[in-house]
Amino acid sequence: MAICVEEVSASLVREYLSRKGLKRTIACMDEERPRTQSSINNRSNLRQVLHIESLYKENKVQHSPLRTLLEIIVKHHIEGHKGDQMASQNKGSDSLQSALEISPSPLSMAKTHSKLKESNPEHCTASFISGDPNKLRSHGTEVSSSQKETVSLDEERLRNYSETPSLSFASLGENSQLKMTSLHDNDHFIISQPDINPPANKVIQKSRPNRLRRGMMSAPIASTVQESNKQRQCRKAGMPQSQSWGGMSGNSLLQKVLEKPLSEVTDGAKSIQEKGIFSSKIENSKTLPNVKDSSEMVLYDIDDELPELSKILIESATITARKNETGQPMDQQTASELKSVLLGSSLKCFPVEWRNQGFTFSETHDLRYGMVQKRGGPCGVLATIQAFVLKKLLFENVDCSNTTRLQCLRPSNATRRKCLVLALAEVLWRAGEEKQAIVAINTGRVLFTPSGQYNSEGVLEKLSCYTLDHIKDVQSLLEQHIEQFETGELGCLLLTISAILSRSIDKLKEEMDVETTTLIGAHSYCTQELVNLLLVGQAVSNVFDGNVELDPGTENSTLLKGIKTHCNIGLLSLFEHWNIFKVGDYLKNPLFPIWVVFSESHFSVLFGLQGELVSNQDKNVEFDLYYYDGLANQQEEIRLTVSFGKSGSSCQDLIPPLDHCIRTRWKDAFVSWNDTEPIL
């Protein structure tokens, strides 16, 4: 069998995931990239194909051996690269040392030039600039011993001065017009004259080996070059140095930027090039420029570092400006208020049905979009989030159209998890009036020690609350901790607590008809206030449109609060069939054909695939609706066909409650269960 590089790579990744215990990641990978006959499922065979038997044996005898083949290969290449780099550095160091041993000092050459300039200045200057060593040597023999002593003293001063980060050679002699500048780049050593412009077609700079052989670099310069290399490496690594830009040190510049708002930092970064913060123009040049004043620091070959520096400053300021990066630990007062509004008292404990319920998806092939409810109680929370997941999956998914929506009901693990993140974020963002949201995350450790009138059970005591001012930040935080909501036991409670805090407890109580109403009612059921909080973002107690005032103008006047605007997700109730109350048009005719259904003290979901269902009032049409109940241990898809003009069942006692709910929206409709056993 021929070896396929792609299959070997995939097998190597699977081996890594398996050894790391990432089972769900492997399952996702197998789903998106299924195994083939070329896949290698044996570690021994994989080692033989990759020819790493020797590396595997060496790793096995180590004190802390690596567990995966991928790590062994990576370690081998990292250590090999380090070895090659060290060998290259040693070789370069030996070459430099041998070159420096035979290289005359540039200062001695400059002094020689200064003394000889009096007799033949034009000849000497041209010889020095052009780097002609023969002409310099011919005149160098005439230097007296006293002059040599002077040169040696100047060299000693130069060595002391070269220890500073930036080295600038001013005039080397009283009568000399030459000025030299050492740059933060060992590839550039520029000698310039203030008033002389060299011809444009004449290349002055030579390669580094040539400069070494011709005596253009000596030990002090090499020391400065090494120091400059270290600083440049630090700059590229994002480490500010003590050297100054525009009269301000790197540390003080970064500190000043971090103290400013992000908008000022962005404007300042843009003006670095426009206003000339650096002391000279930054350019990439391989020829000698016209330097008007060589006493200034001239920078070359770092034009690629300017955007990098700006990016570092802007990113640092962004991190500093971002609010509430770390969550606020839960305190006992907030925990007591949460328990009171949820359960009625801080001495009560959360029902086990709520503590053990997350938003876990079904693995049944035809019901992969559905979430499974373990026990009765939090069905209102589950049904509402299920409705928003279907909205994201069917009507806001770019991959779904009118012809593919049925196929979208079989999503991959990644797709349905993404839809869950978006659904949770939308619910919390609407509860926070689309201005901010608070997300409660379980830290796994106790953050406060309860005392007094409070019953501790290890739930609220471990929460940390993140306040976020943008929906993108809400989505990002939920994505990071989605396992706590999807597979964690506290998923339902975390969302409920987050929604209450996003709305605020005070505002939530104001919206209820009775402030003492709890969100978790008798038998651990969800109250209508909690369902409305998640459904429309307001914890109102009713489902009719607007507000209704009872006994207006009297002392017994009572204001009943209902739904204020059209909703994305609708609601149908069996109570309307019994004439207990009426569901308003805002909930009965939502923007999307998805309804939370309340029937027989239980919440479930009814939805259609055609967006026209919410606006089409023609009773001569026939359409399909899909029903899902996470608590019913549903194993197959339930498709209902709704039609008009047909007679219903002759036995009224056997009409399923769901049919009555559907008829509150489509009066006189006939519902066919399509060979599926009706739920009675």
Foldseek 3Di string as FASTA:
>chain_A
DDADPVQLVVLQVLQVCVQVVVVVVNVLCCVVPNDDPNHDPDPVVSCVVVVCPVLVVVQVPDPDRDRGPVVSVVVVVVVVVVVVVVVVVVVVVVVLVVLQVPADAVLLLLLLLVVCCVVPVVVSVVCVQQLPLVVSVVSSVPDDPVSVVVSVVVVVVLLVQLVDLFDWADDSDPPDQKTWGQALAPQDTDIDGQPDDDDPPDARDDGPVVCSNSRNDHDSSVVNNVSSVVQVVCLLVVHFDQDDFQPHGRVRVLVVLLVDALVVLVVVLVCCQVVVRGPDHEEADRGHDNDNDRVGHDHYDCPVSSVVNSVSSSVSNVVSPFPQPDFAAFDPVVCQLQCCQAPNGQQDDADLQQLQDFQAADPQQQQRLAGARDDPAEQLLRQLLSLQLLCCQQPVDPVHDLVCSSVSSRDRPVSSLLSSLLSLLVLQCLLLVVFKFKFKDFQPDFQDDDDDRHHDDPDSRRITIGIGGHSVVSSVVCVVVVCCRHVNRNNSVRSLSRSCVSNDLVQQLVQEQHSSDHQQDPPNHGACQSSCCRFRSHSFRDQAEAKDWDPPPDPPIGIHGHDHAATQEAEFELVVLVVPDAHYLSRLQHQFQKYFYHDPSGTWIKGFNDSCVSPDLDQQDKGKIWTDDNHPPDNDTWIKIKHADDDEDPDPVPDASVVSRVCSNVPRIHIDRPPDDGDD
